[in-house]
Protein backbone atom coordinates (compact mmCIF):
# COMPACT_ATOMS: atom_id res chain seq x y z
CA MET A 1 1.71 -17.37 -18.49
CA ASN A 2 3.96 -19.40 -16.11
CA ILE A 3 5.47 -17.65 -13.40
CA ASN A 4 7.96 -19.31 -10.43
CA LYS A 5 7.77 -18.37 -6.77
CA ASN A 6 10.76 -16.94 -6.89
CA SER A 7 10.22 -14.44 -9.35
CA LEU A 8 6.84 -13.90 -7.55
CA ALA A 9 9.01 -13.45 -4.74
CA ARG A 10 10.88 -10.79 -6.57
CA ILE A 11 8.09 -8.91 -8.09
CA GLY A 12 6.48 -9.08 -4.56
CA ILE A 13 9.42 -6.95 -2.89
CA GLY A 14 9.69 -4.86 -5.77
CA ILE A 15 5.85 -3.61 -5.62
CA VAL A 16 7.07 -3.46 -1.54
CA VAL A 17 10.05 -1.09 -2.36
CA VAL A 18 7.94 1.21 -5.36
CA HIS A 19 5.15 0.94 -2.55
CA LEU A 20 6.93 2.58 0.94
CA VAL A 21 8.26 5.45 -1.94
CA ILE A 22 4.94 6.34 -2.79
CA THR A 23 3.41 6.17 0.55
CA PHE A 24 6.85 8.52 2.13
CA LEU A 25 6.20 11.03 -0.83
CA HIS A 26 2.21 10.90 -0.16
CA ALA A 27 2.98 11.23 3.73
CA PHE A 28 4.75 14.23 2.93
CA ALA A 29 2.35 15.45 0.80
CA HIS A 30 -0.03 14.87 3.72
CA SER A 31 2.04 17.11 6.09
CA ASN A 32 2.19 19.83 3.95
CA LEU A 33 -1.43 20.07 3.06
CA PHE A 34 -2.08 19.67 7.10
CA ILE A 35 -3.99 16.60 6.88
CA ALA A 36 -3.86 15.15 10.24
CA MET A 37 -5.02 11.91 10.79
CA SER A 38 -6.57 10.15 13.90
CA LEU A 39 -4.58 8.51 16.29
CA LEU A 40 -7.02 5.13 15.19
CA GLN A 41 -5.73 6.02 11.54
CA ASN A 42 -2.09 6.72 12.56
CA PHE A 43 -2.16 3.01 14.40
CA TYR A 44 -3.18 1.00 11.45
CA ILE A 45 -1.16 3.02 9.11
CA PHE A 46 1.95 2.02 10.72
CA LEU A 47 0.84 -1.36 11.18
CA VAL A 48 -0.73 -2.48 8.19
CA ILE A 49 0.07 -0.27 5.50
CA LEU A 50 3.93 0.61 6.60
CA ALA A 51 4.76 -2.58 8.75
CA GLY A 52 3.12 -4.96 7.33
CA PRO A 53 4.76 -5.28 3.68
CA ILE A 54 7.90 -5.02 5.18
CA VAL A 55 6.96 -8.27 7.54
CA ALA A 56 5.96 -10.18 4.52
CA VAL A 57 9.11 -8.98 2.68
CA ILE A 58 11.37 -10.97 5.26
CA ILE A 59 8.94 -13.53 6.04
CA LEU A 60 8.93 -14.18 2.41
CA ARG A 61 12.56 -15.43 2.60
CA TYR A 62 11.82 -18.39 5.12
CA LYS A 63 8.34 -19.35 4.99
CA PRO A 64 7.13 -17.72 1.26
CA LYS A 65 3.29 -19.26 1.55
CA VAL A 66 3.36 -16.98 4.93
CA GLY A 67 5.16 -14.10 3.15
CA PHE A 68 2.68 -13.86 0.25
CA ALA A 69 -0.32 -14.43 2.58
CA VAL A 70 0.92 -11.27 4.79
CA LEU A 71 1.20 -9.87 2.06
CA ALA A 72 -1.68 -10.09 -0.07
CA VAL A 73 -3.70 -9.17 3.50
CA SER A 74 -1.50 -6.05 4.16
CA MET A 75 -1.95 -4.86 0.34
CA LEU A 76 -5.42 -5.69 0.61
CA GLY A 77 -5.87 -3.67 3.45
CA SER A 78 -4.14 -0.72 2.20
CA PHE A 79 -5.96 -0.89 -0.65
CA LEU A 80 -9.46 -0.89 0.72
CA PHE A 81 -8.35 2.41 3.39
CA GLY A 82 -6.61 4.06 0.79
CA VAL A 83 -9.69 3.84 -1.21
CA TYR A 84 -12.48 4.25 1.01
CA HIS A 85 -10.50 7.68 2.48
CA HIS A 86 -8.81 9.21 -0.59
CA PHE A 87 -12.33 8.85 -2.82
CA VAL A 88 -15.07 7.50 -1.03
CA ALA A 89 -15.38 9.36 2.28
CA ILE A 90 -16.11 13.31 2.88
CA GLY A 91 -13.46 14.74 4.83
CA SER A 92 -9.70 16.62 4.46
CA ASP A 93 -8.61 12.93 3.18
CA ASN A 94 -10.03 12.88 0.20
CA VAL A 95 -8.83 13.77 -3.67
CA PHE A 96 -11.94 15.42 -4.60
CA THR A 97 -12.28 18.40 -2.20
CA LEU A 98 -8.86 19.40 -1.45
CA ASP A 99 -7.89 23.24 -1.78
CA SER A 100 -5.32 24.21 -4.20
CA SER A 101 -1.94 24.11 -3.09
CA PRO A 102 1.09 23.19 -5.12
CA TRP A 103 0.98 19.71 -3.02
CA THR A 104 -2.17 19.06 -3.50
CA MET A 105 -1.15 17.49 -7.02
CA VAL A 106 1.38 15.21 -5.20
CA PHE A 107 -1.13 14.18 -3.39
CA GLN A 108 -3.77 13.04 -6.01
CA LEU A 109 -1.28 11.38 -8.26
CA THR A 110 0.24 9.25 -4.86
CA ALA A 111 -3.62 8.53 -3.41
CA VAL A 112 -3.84 7.24 -7.26
CA LEU A 113 -0.36 5.60 -7.70
CA LEU A 114 -0.96 3.63 -3.90
CA ALA A 115 -4.58 2.33 -5.03
CA ILE A 116 -3.05 0.99 -7.99
CA ILE A 117 0.28 -0.65 -6.43
CA GLU A 118 -1.63 -2.03 -3.77
CA PHE A 119 -4.12 -3.94 -5.77
CA ALA A 120 -1.36 -4.83 -7.93
CA GLY A 121 0.57 -6.47 -4.79
CA THR A 122 -2.78 -8.47 -3.63
CA GLY A 123 -2.37 -9.64 -6.78
CA ILE A 124 0.86 -10.64 -6.30
CA GLY A 125 0.40 -12.20 -2.72
CA LEU A 126 -2.65 -14.08 -3.81
CA LEU A 127 -0.62 -15.33 -6.58
CA GLY A 128 2.31 -16.19 -4.53
CA VAL A 129 0.14 -18.39 -2.06
CA LEU A 130 -1.31 -20.05 -4.91
CA ALA A 131 1.98 -20.69 -6.22
CA GLN A 132 3.01 -22.81 -3.14
CA ASP A 133 0.89 -25.73 -3.51
């Protein structure tokens, strides 16, 4: 399948938009479940998970190869952070150890959706970098 760089850019932008929506729903569930993050975690979340993909979209227009690279790195960083905290590490952020609440299902679903969209974003970013050569 041959996808041109403009199609990859549109897919990448779509992934970033969907990622932001899921991230905000997940953050809302975090808040309603009283799951607090450390200062360092919040800094990482803001820099890598929120700002990184937005910066990637902005750069895509002017320097596509760099934009795709930023997308791949930010999505991979988001994926690894989320998978570790939501599915591996023991703590209040683990989807398997949450107390029963109306927000538990939202938290769990958005954690899974974030992993999927971040994995896809990493792939699109890598494909975009390779398509620029």
